[in-house]
């Protein structure tokens, strides 16, 4: 399902116009992104939890030249599935 199809499904399920559904989805995505950027956790009970996990800096190796390279610390988003979603898909 792509974003357009998701907007259509939200509009149908909630009885909204496609424009209102798109606006609501975009707001959800923006607020979630801003919260994660600040280091907050976004928890949607029953659906799941988005949080930032930190990858420590490390030394890697170029597979072609075998040269050692420094890989800096970085952040990534992790998602833990909620109980209701897990039950629904199984």
C-alpha atoms as a PDB file:
ATOM      1  CA  UNK A   1       0.000   0.000   0.000  1.00  0.00           C
ATOM      2  CA  UNK A   2       1.440   3.362  -0.971  1.00  0.00           C
ATOM      3  CA  UNK A   3       0.645   6.765   0.543  1.00  0.00           C
ATOM      4  CA  UNK A   4      -2.173   7.540  -1.913  1.00  0.00           C
ATOM      5  CA  UNK A   5      -3.858   4.227  -1.198  1.00  0.00           C
ATOM      6  CA  UNK A   6      -3.441   4.808   2.539  1.00  0.00           C
ATOM      7  CA  UNK A   7      -5.074   8.241   2.250  1.00  0.00           C
ATOM      8  CA  UNK A   8      -7.975   6.673   0.332  1.00  0.00           C
ATOM      9  CA  UNK A   9      -8.399   3.986   3.006  1.00  0.00           C
ATOM     10  CA  UNK A  10      -8.295   6.538   5.839  1.00  0.00           C
ATOM     11  CA  UNK A  11     -10.850   8.732   4.073  1.00  0.00           C
ATOM     12  CA  UNK A  12     -13.178   5.767   3.559  1.00  0.00           C
ATOM     13  CA  UNK A  13     -12.775   4.371   7.100  1.00  0.00           C
ATOM     14  CA  UNK A  14     -13.138   7.717   8.898  1.00  0.00           C
ATOM     15  CA  UNK A  15     -15.742   9.259   6.589  1.00  0.00           C
ATOM     16  CA  UNK A  16     -13.435  12.121   5.636  1.00  0.00           C
ATOM     17  CA  UNK A  17     -12.646  13.761   2.358  1.00  0.00           C
ATOM     18  CA  UNK A  18      -9.405  12.685   0.725  1.00  0.00           C
ATOM     19  CA  UNK A  19      -7.978  16.157   1.360  1.00  0.00           C
ATOM     20  CA  UNK A  20      -8.782  15.955   5.075  1.00  0.00           C
ATOM     21  CA  UNK A  21      -7.360  12.426   5.311  1.00  0.00           C
ATOM     22  CA  UNK A  22      -4.178  13.513   3.514  1.00  0.00           C
ATOM     23  CA  UNK A  23      -3.851  16.489   5.834  1.00  0.00           C
ATOM     24  CA  UNK A  24      -4.297  14.289   8.915  1.00  0.00           C
ATOM     25  CA  UNK A  25      -1.764  11.728   7.669  1.00  0.00           C
ATOM     26  CA  UNK A  26       0.785  14.428   6.811  1.00  0.00           C
ATOM     27  CA  UNK A  27       0.311  15.979  10.263  1.00  0.00           C
ATOM     28  CA  UNK A  28       0.851  12.596  11.933  1.00  0.00           C
ATOM     29  CA  UNK A  29       4.028  11.999   9.948  1.00  0.00           C
ATOM     30  CA  UNK A  30       5.362  15.505  10.643  1.00  0.00           C
ATOM     31  CA  UNK A  31       4.657  15.364  14.390  1.00  0.00           C
ATOM     32  CA  UNK A  32       6.186  11.872  14.649  1.00  0.00           C
ATOM     33  CA  UNK A  33       9.309  12.979  12.779  1.00  0.00           C
ATOM     34  CA  UNK A  34       9.702  16.087  14.960  1.00  0.00           C
ATOM     35  CA  UNK A  35       9.268  14.090  18.177  1.00  0.00           C
ATOM     36  CA  UNK A  36      11.844  11.517  17.105  1.00  0.00           C
ATOM     37  CA  UNK A  37      14.255  14.261  16.040  1.00  0.00           C
ATOM     38  CA  UNK A  38      14.041  15.665  19.598  1.00  0.00           C
ATOM     39  CA  UNK A  39      14.811  12.213  21.000  1.00  0.00           C
ATOM     40  CA  UNK A  40      11.278  11.492  22.224  1.00  0.00           C
ATOM     41  CA  UNK A  41       9.572   8.121  21.945  1.00  0.00           C
ATOM     42  CA  UNK A  42       6.262   7.900  20.067  1.00  0.00           C
ATOM     43  CA  UNK A  43       4.010   5.235  21.568  1.00  0.00           C
ATOM     44  CA  UNK A  44       0.721   4.290  19.928  1.00  0.00           C
ATOM     45  CA  UNK A  45      -0.885   1.840  22.354  1.00  0.00           C
ATOM     46  CA  UNK A  46      -1.862  -1.354  20.573  1.00  0.00           C
ATOM     47  CA  UNK A  47      -0.031  -0.383  17.381  1.00  0.00           C
ATOM     48  CA  UNK A  48       3.587   0.003  18.410  1.00  0.00           C
ATOM     49  CA  UNK A  49       6.397   2.223  19.604  1.00  0.00           C
ATOM     50  CA  UNK A  50       8.854   4.282  17.565  1.00  0.00           C
ATOM     51  CA  UNK A  51      12.101   5.249  19.275  1.00  0.00           C
ATOM     52  CA  UNK A  52      15.609   6.379  18.442  1.00  0.00           C
ATOM     53  CA  UNK A  53      18.433   3.893  18.817  1.00  0.00           C
ATOM     54  CA  UNK A  54      22.042   5.031  18.707  1.00  0.00           C
ATOM     55  CA  UNK A  55      24.664   3.201  16.682  1.00  0.00           C
ATOM     56  CA  UNK A  56      28.056   3.712  18.289  1.00  0.00           C
ATOM     57  CA  UNK A  57      31.052   4.909  16.307  1.00  0.00           C
ATOM     58  CA  UNK A  58      33.197   2.041  15.084  1.00  0.00           C
ATOM     59  CA  UNK A  59      36.024   1.105  12.780  1.00  0.00           C
ATOM     60  CA  UNK A  60      34.985  -0.605   9.569  1.00  0.00           C
ATOM     61  CA  UNK A  61      36.800  -1.980   6.569  1.00  0.00           C
ATOM     62  CA  UNK A  62      36.445  -1.224   2.893  1.00  0.00           C
ATOM     63  CA  UNK A  63      35.739  -4.662   1.382  1.00  0.00           C
ATOM     64  CA  UNK A  64      37.516  -3.836  -1.874  1.00  0.00           C
ATOM     65  CA  UNK A  65      40.737  -2.259  -0.572  1.00  0.00           C
ATOM     66  CA  UNK A  66      40.686  -3.638   3.008  1.00  0.00           C
ATOM     67  CA  UNK A  67      41.436  -0.098   4.163  1.00  0.00           C
ATOM     68  CA  UNK A  68      40.288   0.726   7.715  1.00  0.00           C
ATOM     69  CA  UNK A  69      37.679   3.494   7.879  1.00  0.00           C
ATOM     70  CA  UNK A  70      36.063   5.268  10.816  1.00  0.00           C
ATOM     71  CA  UNK A  71      32.281   5.042  10.838  1.00  0.00           C
ATOM     72  CA  UNK A  72      30.776   7.858  12.932  1.00  0.00           C
ATOM     73  CA  UNK A  73      27.986   7.479  15.480  1.00  0.00           C
ATOM     74  CA  UNK A  74      24.508   7.693  13.963  1.00  0.00           C
ATOM     75  CA  UNK A  75      20.882   7.516  15.020  1.00  0.00           C
ATOM     76  CA  UNK A  76      18.266   5.220  13.563  1.00  0.00           C
ATOM     77  CA  UNK A  77      14.583   4.665  14.205  1.00  0.00           C
ATOM     78  CA  UNK A  78      13.429   1.379  15.650  1.00  0.00           C
ATOM     79  CA  UNK A  79       9.855   0.110  15.830  1.00  0.00           C
ATOM     80  CA  UNK A  80       8.485  -2.383  18.317  1.00  0.00           C
ATOM     81  CA  UNK A  81       5.142  -3.907  17.345  1.00  0.00           C
ATOM     82  CA  UNK A  82       2.268  -3.531  19.811  1.00  0.00           C
ATOM     83  CA  UNK A  83       0.246  -6.478  21.103  1.00  0.00           C
ATOM     84  CA  UNK A  84      -2.957  -5.666  19.182  1.00  0.00           C
ATOM     85  CA  UNK A  85      -1.145  -5.262  15.854  1.00  0.00           C
ATOM     86  CA  UNK A  86       0.819  -8.448  16.428  1.00  0.00           C
ATOM     87  CA  UNK A  87      -2.409 -10.316  17.210  1.00  0.00           C
ATOM     88  CA  UNK A  88      -4.144  -8.852  14.129  1.00  0.00           C
ATOM     89  CA  UNK A  89      -1.466  -9.975  11.694  1.00  0.00           C
ATOM     90  CA  UNK A  90      -1.119 -13.467  13.137  1.00  0.00           C
END
